[in-house]
Structure formats: C-alpha cells, structure tokens
Amino acid sequence: MTRPITPPSELVQQWTDEYIKDKPACAAPEFIATRAAQWGAHQELEACCAFAEDQSWGLVNGPHVANMIRAARRPKPPSLKEQALDQLKSVEDRYGLINTDYIRRALEQLDG
C-alpha cells in the first residue's frame, strides 16, 4: 500500500496564516484545500521525477527524462520580454509596413 500524501501541520498552519493575512474571496476550507492539492501534485511530480532519474533509459539519461517531465508538467510562463516580442510580431503581421526594427532590437537586449 502506498503512503498517503499529507502536508505537514506546519504547512497547513502557514496556509491558514496566509488566508487570514491575504483575505482571499474564497472560504478558508477552499483556500487550504486548493493549496493542499497543489502541494500534493508537486509532491507526486517530484516522486515521479525521482523515479525517472533512477531508471536506465538507453541513450537518454534519467535526469534528462526527469527534466523533460518537469518542463512538460510545470511550464514556465513567458517572460515579459517574450510576451512583448510576441505582441510586436502580431503588430508586424497585421500592419506589415510599419518599421519596428528599433523596438525589436531594444526588446531583444532586455534580460529575461
């Protein structure tokens, strides 16, 4: 039998304190249940990645497989720079004759 994924009482207390401090629109049980579900999903993902890291996958090493799983299941949102470049591309595609070279070069120089 597998061991249940149960958050430590300190973490539940932290979520309770956050609820009291932030006063979100939802009820306390819903807030804490959502945090617990997110925490449990993260625990499960890390357990699966640890398993993948320990396996022999032929030409691909286990840590690479684990990183691929993490990237697929927890993708990072696009940075502000990436969002701005995407939006600039949309403008260029729609209004083709506008010269956006300076804007594009300035955006590409930004970090992130």
N, C-alpha and C. Protein backbone atom coordinates (compact mmCIF):
# COMPACT_ATOMS: atom_id res chain seq x y z
N MET A 1 0.84 -1.17 0.00
CA MET A 1 0.00 0.00 0.00
C MET A 1 0.89 1.25 0.00
N THR A 2 0.48 2.25 -0.77
CA THR A 2 1.26 3.48 -0.82
C THR A 2 0.92 4.36 0.36
N ARG A 3 1.87 5.17 0.72
CA ARG A 3 1.71 6.10 1.84
C ARG A 3 0.93 7.32 1.36
N PRO A 4 -0.08 7.78 2.10
CA PRO A 4 -0.84 8.96 1.66
C PRO A 4 0.05 10.20 1.66
N ILE A 5 -0.24 11.10 0.75
CA ILE A 5 0.49 12.36 0.69
C ILE A 5 -0.26 13.35 1.58
N THR A 6 0.31 13.62 2.73
CA THR A 6 -0.32 14.50 3.71
C THR A 6 0.61 15.65 4.03
N PRO A 7 0.13 16.89 3.87
CA PRO A 7 1.02 18.02 4.19
C PRO A 7 1.32 18.09 5.68
N PRO A 8 2.52 18.50 6.03
CA PRO A 8 2.86 18.65 7.44
C PRO A 8 1.99 19.72 8.10
N SER A 9 1.72 19.57 9.38
CA SER A 9 0.85 20.51 10.09
C SER A 9 1.41 21.94 10.05
N GLU A 10 2.73 22.09 10.01
CA GLU A 10 3.33 23.43 9.93
C GLU A 10 2.93 24.12 8.63
N LEU A 11 2.87 23.34 7.55
CA LEU A 11 2.48 23.90 6.26
C LEU A 11 1.01 24.29 6.25
N VAL A 12 0.16 23.46 6.84
CA VAL A 12 -1.26 23.80 6.94
C VAL A 12 -1.43 25.07 7.77
N GLN A 13 -0.66 25.21 8.82
CA GLN A 13 -0.72 26.43 9.64
C GLN A 13 -0.27 27.64 8.83
N GLN A 14 0.77 27.46 8.00
CA GLN A 14 1.25 28.56 7.14
C GLN A 14 0.14 28.98 6.18
N TRP A 15 -0.55 28.02 5.58
CA TRP A 15 -1.65 28.34 4.66
C TRP A 15 -2.78 29.06 5.39
N THR A 16 -3.05 28.62 6.62
CA THR A 16 -4.09 29.27 7.42
C THR A 16 -3.70 30.72 7.70
N ASP A 17 -2.45 30.94 8.06
CA ASP A 17 -1.96 32.29 8.32
C ASP A 17 -2.04 33.15 7.05
N GLU A 18 -1.69 32.57 5.90
CA GLU A 18 -1.78 33.29 4.63
C GLU A 18 -3.23 33.68 4.34
N TYR A 19 -4.15 32.77 4.62
CA TYR A 19 -5.56 33.05 4.38
C TYR A 19 -6.01 34.23 5.25
N ILE A 20 -5.64 34.22 6.50
CA ILE A 20 -6.03 35.29 7.42
C ILE A 20 -5.42 36.62 6.96
N LYS A 21 -4.15 36.58 6.56
CA LYS A 21 -3.45 37.81 6.15
C LYS A 21 -3.97 38.36 4.82
N ASP A 22 -4.14 37.48 3.81
CA ASP A 22 -4.49 37.93 2.46
C ASP A 22 -5.99 38.14 2.24
N LYS A 23 -6.82 37.50 3.05
CA LYS A 23 -8.27 37.59 2.96
C LYS A 23 -8.78 37.39 1.52
N PRO A 24 -8.50 36.22 0.92
CA PRO A 24 -8.98 35.98 -0.45
C PRO A 24 -10.50 35.87 -0.49
N ALA A 25 -11.06 35.91 -1.71
CA ALA A 25 -12.51 35.91 -1.90
C ALA A 25 -13.15 34.56 -1.55
N CYS A 26 -12.38 33.49 -1.55
CA CYS A 26 -12.95 32.17 -1.28
C CYS A 26 -12.98 31.88 0.22
N ALA A 27 -13.68 30.82 0.60
CA ALA A 27 -13.75 30.40 2.00
C ALA A 27 -12.44 29.72 2.40
N ALA A 28 -12.15 29.72 3.70
CA ALA A 28 -10.90 29.15 4.21
C ALA A 28 -10.72 27.68 3.82
N PRO A 29 -11.74 26.82 3.96
CA PRO A 29 -11.53 25.41 3.57
C PRO A 29 -11.16 25.26 2.08
N GLU A 30 -11.80 26.08 1.24
CA GLU A 30 -11.47 26.02 -0.20
C GLU A 30 -10.03 26.48 -0.46
N PHE A 31 -9.62 27.55 0.21
CA PHE A 31 -8.26 28.07 0.06
C PHE A 31 -7.23 27.02 0.48
N ILE A 32 -7.45 26.43 1.65
CA ILE A 32 -6.50 25.44 2.17
C ILE A 32 -6.53 24.16 1.33
N ALA A 33 -7.72 23.75 0.89
CA ALA A 33 -7.82 22.56 0.04
C ALA A 33 -7.09 22.76 -1.28
N THR A 34 -7.20 23.96 -1.85
CA THR A 34 -6.50 24.26 -3.10
C THR A 34 -5.00 24.21 -2.90
N ARG A 35 -4.52 24.83 -1.83
CA ARG A 35 -3.08 24.80 -1.53
C ARG A 35 -2.61 23.36 -1.30
N ALA A 36 -3.41 22.57 -0.59
CA ALA A 36 -3.03 21.18 -0.32
C ALA A 36 -3.00 20.37 -1.62
N ALA A 37 -3.95 20.60 -2.51
CA ALA A 37 -3.96 19.89 -3.80
C ALA A 37 -2.73 20.26 -4.62
N GLN A 38 -2.38 21.54 -4.64
CA GLN A 38 -1.18 21.98 -5.37
C GLN A 38 0.07 21.36 -4.76
N TRP A 39 0.14 21.37 -3.45
CA TRP A 39 1.29 20.79 -2.76
C TRP A 39 1.39 19.30 -3.05
N GLY A 40 0.25 18.58 -2.99
CA GLY A 40 0.23 17.15 -3.26
C GLY A 40 0.64 16.83 -4.69
N ALA A 41 0.16 17.63 -5.64
CA ALA A 41 0.54 17.43 -7.04
C ALA A 41 2.04 17.63 -7.23
N HIS A 42 2.58 18.61 -6.54
CA HIS A 42 4.02 18.85 -6.62
C HIS A 42 4.81 17.67 -6.03
N GLN A 43 4.33 17.15 -4.91
CA GLN A 43 4.99 16.00 -4.29
C GLN A 43 4.98 14.80 -5.23
N GLU A 44 3.84 14.56 -5.87
CA GLU A 44 3.70 13.44 -6.81
C GLU A 44 4.62 13.62 -8.01
N LEU A 45 4.67 14.84 -8.55
CA LEU A 45 5.55 15.11 -9.69
C LEU A 45 7.00 14.84 -9.31
N GLU A 46 7.42 15.32 -8.15
CA GLU A 46 8.81 15.12 -7.74
C GLU A 46 9.11 13.65 -7.49
N ALA A 47 8.14 12.89 -6.99
CA ALA A 47 8.34 11.45 -6.80
C ALA A 47 8.50 10.76 -8.15
N CYS A 48 7.70 11.15 -9.13
CA CYS A 48 7.82 10.57 -10.47
C CYS A 48 9.16 10.94 -11.11
N CYS A 49 9.59 12.18 -10.91
CA CYS A 49 10.88 12.60 -11.48
C CYS A 49 12.03 11.87 -10.80
N ALA A 50 11.94 11.66 -9.50
CA ALA A 50 12.99 10.91 -8.80
C ALA A 50 13.05 9.48 -9.33
N PHE A 51 11.89 8.89 -9.60
CA PHE A 51 11.85 7.55 -10.18
C PHE A 51 12.51 7.57 -11.56
N ALA A 52 12.16 8.56 -12.38
CA ALA A 52 12.72 8.65 -13.73
C ALA A 52 14.23 8.81 -13.69
N GLU A 53 14.72 9.59 -12.74
CA GLU A 53 16.17 9.82 -12.63
C GLU A 53 16.92 8.54 -12.30
N ASP A 54 16.27 7.62 -11.60
CA ASP A 54 16.92 6.38 -11.18
C ASP A 54 16.87 5.27 -12.23
N GLN A 55 16.16 5.49 -13.33
CA GLN A 55 15.99 4.45 -14.34
C GLN A 55 17.04 4.56 -15.44
N SER A 56 17.25 3.46 -16.11
CA SER A 56 18.12 3.45 -17.29
C SER A 56 17.22 3.58 -18.51
N TRP A 57 17.41 4.62 -19.29
CA TRP A 57 16.55 4.89 -20.44
C TRP A 57 17.31 4.73 -21.76
N GLY A 58 18.28 3.87 -21.80
CA GLY A 58 19.03 3.68 -23.03
C GLY A 58 19.96 4.85 -23.28
N LEU A 59 19.77 5.53 -24.41
CA LEU A 59 20.65 6.63 -24.79
C LEU A 59 20.36 7.92 -24.02
N VAL A 60 19.20 7.99 -23.38
CA VAL A 60 18.81 9.20 -22.66
C VAL A 60 18.99 8.94 -21.16
N ASN A 61 19.67 9.86 -20.47
CA ASN A 61 19.88 9.63 -19.04
C ASN A 61 18.65 10.03 -18.22
N GLY A 62 18.53 9.43 -17.05
CA GLY A 62 17.39 9.66 -16.19
C GLY A 62 17.13 11.11 -15.82
N PRO A 63 18.16 11.89 -15.44
CA PRO A 63 17.92 13.30 -15.12
C PRO A 63 17.33 14.08 -16.30
N HIS A 64 17.74 13.73 -17.52
CA HIS A 64 17.19 14.40 -18.70
C HIS A 64 15.69 14.09 -18.82
N VAL A 65 15.31 12.84 -18.61
CA VAL A 65 13.89 12.45 -18.66
C VAL A 65 13.12 13.21 -17.58
N ALA A 66 13.68 13.27 -16.37
CA ALA A 66 13.01 13.99 -15.28
C ALA A 66 12.83 15.46 -15.63
N ASN A 67 13.84 16.09 -16.22
CA ASN A 67 13.73 17.49 -16.61
C ASN A 67 12.68 17.68 -17.70
N MET A 68 12.58 16.73 -18.61
CA MET A 68 11.55 16.81 -19.65
C MET A 68 10.15 16.72 -19.02
N ILE A 69 10.00 15.84 -18.04
CA ILE A 69 8.70 15.70 -17.36
C ILE A 69 8.36 16.99 -16.62
N ARG A 70 9.33 17.55 -15.90
CA ARG A 70 9.08 18.81 -15.18
C ARG A 70 8.71 19.93 -16.14
N ALA A 71 9.41 20.03 -17.25
CA ALA A 71 9.14 21.09 -18.22
C ALA A 71 7.75 20.94 -18.83
N ALA A 72 7.32 19.71 -19.05
CA ALA A 72 6.00 19.47 -19.63
C ALA A 72 4.88 19.72 -18.62
N ARG A 73 5.11 19.37 -17.37
CA ARG A 73 4.06 19.46 -16.35
C ARG A 73 4.06 20.77 -15.59
N ARG A 74 5.17 21.49 -15.58
CA ARG A 74 5.26 22.78 -14.88
C ARG A 74 5.94 23.80 -15.79
N PRO A 75 5.32 24.08 -16.94
CA PRO A 75 5.96 25.04 -17.86
C PRO A 75 6.04 26.43 -17.23
N LYS A 76 7.11 27.11 -17.55
CA LYS A 76 7.28 28.47 -17.04
C LYS A 76 6.48 29.42 -17.94
N PRO A 77 5.77 30.37 -17.34
CA PRO A 77 5.04 31.34 -18.17
C PRO A 77 6.04 32.19 -18.95
N PRO A 78 5.62 32.68 -20.11
CA PRO A 78 6.56 33.50 -20.89
C PRO A 78 6.93 34.77 -20.12
N SER A 79 8.17 35.19 -20.30
CA SER A 79 8.63 36.42 -19.64
C SER A 79 7.95 37.62 -20.28
N LEU A 80 8.05 38.75 -19.62
CA LEU A 80 7.50 39.99 -20.16
C LEU A 80 8.15 40.29 -21.52
N LYS A 81 9.45 40.03 -21.62
CA LYS A 81 10.16 40.25 -22.88
C LYS A 81 9.57 39.36 -23.98
N GLU A 82 9.37 38.07 -23.69
CA GLU A 82 8.79 37.16 -24.69
C GLU A 82 7.39 37.59 -25.08
N GLN A 83 6.60 38.03 -24.10
CA GLN A 83 5.25 38.49 -24.40
C GLN A 83 5.28 39.73 -25.29
N ALA A 84 6.20 40.65 -25.00
CA ALA A 84 6.31 41.87 -25.79
C ALA A 84 6.75 41.55 -27.22
N LEU A 85 7.70 40.63 -27.38
CA LEU A 85 8.14 40.25 -28.72
C LEU A 85 7.02 39.56 -29.50
N ASP A 86 6.24 38.72 -28.82
CA ASP A 86 5.09 38.09 -29.48
C ASP A 86 4.07 39.13 -29.92
N GLN A 87 3.82 40.09 -29.05
CA GLN A 87 2.85 41.14 -29.39
C GLN A 87 3.37 41.99 -30.55
N LEU A 88 4.66 42.27 -30.56
CA LEU A 88 5.26 43.02 -31.66
C LEU A 88 5.13 42.25 -32.97
N LYS A 89 5.34 40.94 -32.92
CA LYS A 89 5.18 40.11 -34.13
C LYS A 89 3.75 40.18 -34.64
N SER A 90 2.79 40.18 -33.74
CA SER A 90 1.38 40.30 -34.16
C SER A 90 1.13 41.62 -34.87
N VAL A 91 1.71 42.70 -34.33
CA VAL A 91 1.57 44.01 -34.97
C VAL A 91 2.22 43.99 -36.35
N GLU A 92 3.42 43.42 -36.44
CA GLU A 92 4.12 43.34 -37.73
C GLU A 92 3.32 42.52 -38.74
N ASP A 93 2.75 41.40 -38.28
CA ASP A 93 1.97 40.55 -39.18
C ASP A 93 0.72 41.27 -39.68
N ARG A 94 0.12 42.04 -38.79
CA ARG A 94 -1.14 42.70 -39.16
C ARG A 94 -0.91 43.96 -39.99
N TYR A 95 0.11 44.74 -39.65
CA TYR A 95 0.34 46.03 -40.31
C TYR A 95 1.67 46.05 -41.05
N GLY A 96 2.04 45.01 -41.68
CA GLY A 96 3.31 44.76 -42.33
C GLY A 96 4.22 45.91 -42.70
N LEU A 97 3.72 47.08 -43.00
CA LEU A 97 4.57 48.16 -43.49
C LEU A 97 5.21 48.98 -42.38
N ILE A 98 4.84 48.76 -41.14
CA ILE A 98 5.40 49.53 -40.02
C ILE A 98 6.81 49.03 -39.73
N ASN A 99 7.75 49.98 -39.57
CA ASN A 99 9.13 49.62 -39.24
C ASN A 99 9.26 49.50 -37.72
N THR A 100 9.50 48.30 -37.26
CA THR A 100 9.60 48.05 -35.83
C THR A 100 11.01 47.62 -35.42
N ASP A 101 11.99 47.89 -36.28
CA ASP A 101 13.35 47.42 -36.02
C ASP A 101 13.90 47.92 -34.68
N TYR A 102 13.72 49.21 -34.37
CA TYR A 102 14.27 49.75 -33.12
C TYR A 102 13.57 49.13 -31.90
N ILE A 103 12.27 48.97 -32.00
CA ILE A 103 11.53 48.36 -30.89
C ILE A 103 12.00 46.93 -30.68
N ARG A 104 12.11 46.17 -31.77
CA ARG A 104 12.55 44.77 -31.67
C ARG A 104 13.95 44.68 -31.08
N ARG A 105 14.88 45.50 -31.57
CA ARG A 105 16.25 45.46 -31.07
C ARG A 105 16.32 45.83 -29.59
N ALA A 106 15.52 46.82 -29.18
CA ALA A 106 15.50 47.21 -27.77
C ALA A 106 14.96 46.08 -26.91
N LEU A 107 13.89 45.44 -27.35
CA LEU A 107 13.32 44.33 -26.60
C LEU A 107 14.30 43.17 -26.49
N GLU A 108 14.98 42.87 -27.59
CA GLU A 108 15.90 41.73 -27.59
C GLU A 108 17.10 41.96 -26.68
N GLN A 109 17.42 43.21 -26.38
CA GLN A 109 18.54 43.50 -25.48
C GLN A 109 18.18 43.33 -24.00
N LEU A 110 16.89 43.30 -23.70
CA LEU A 110 16.47 43.16 -22.31
C LEU A 110 16.79 41.77 -21.78
N ASP A 111 17.06 41.68 -20.49
CA ASP A 111 17.25 40.36 -19.84
C ASP A 111 15.91 39.66 -19.72
N GLY A 112 15.99 38.32 -19.74
CA GLY A 112 14.81 37.51 -19.46
C GLY A 112 13.95 37.35 -20.63
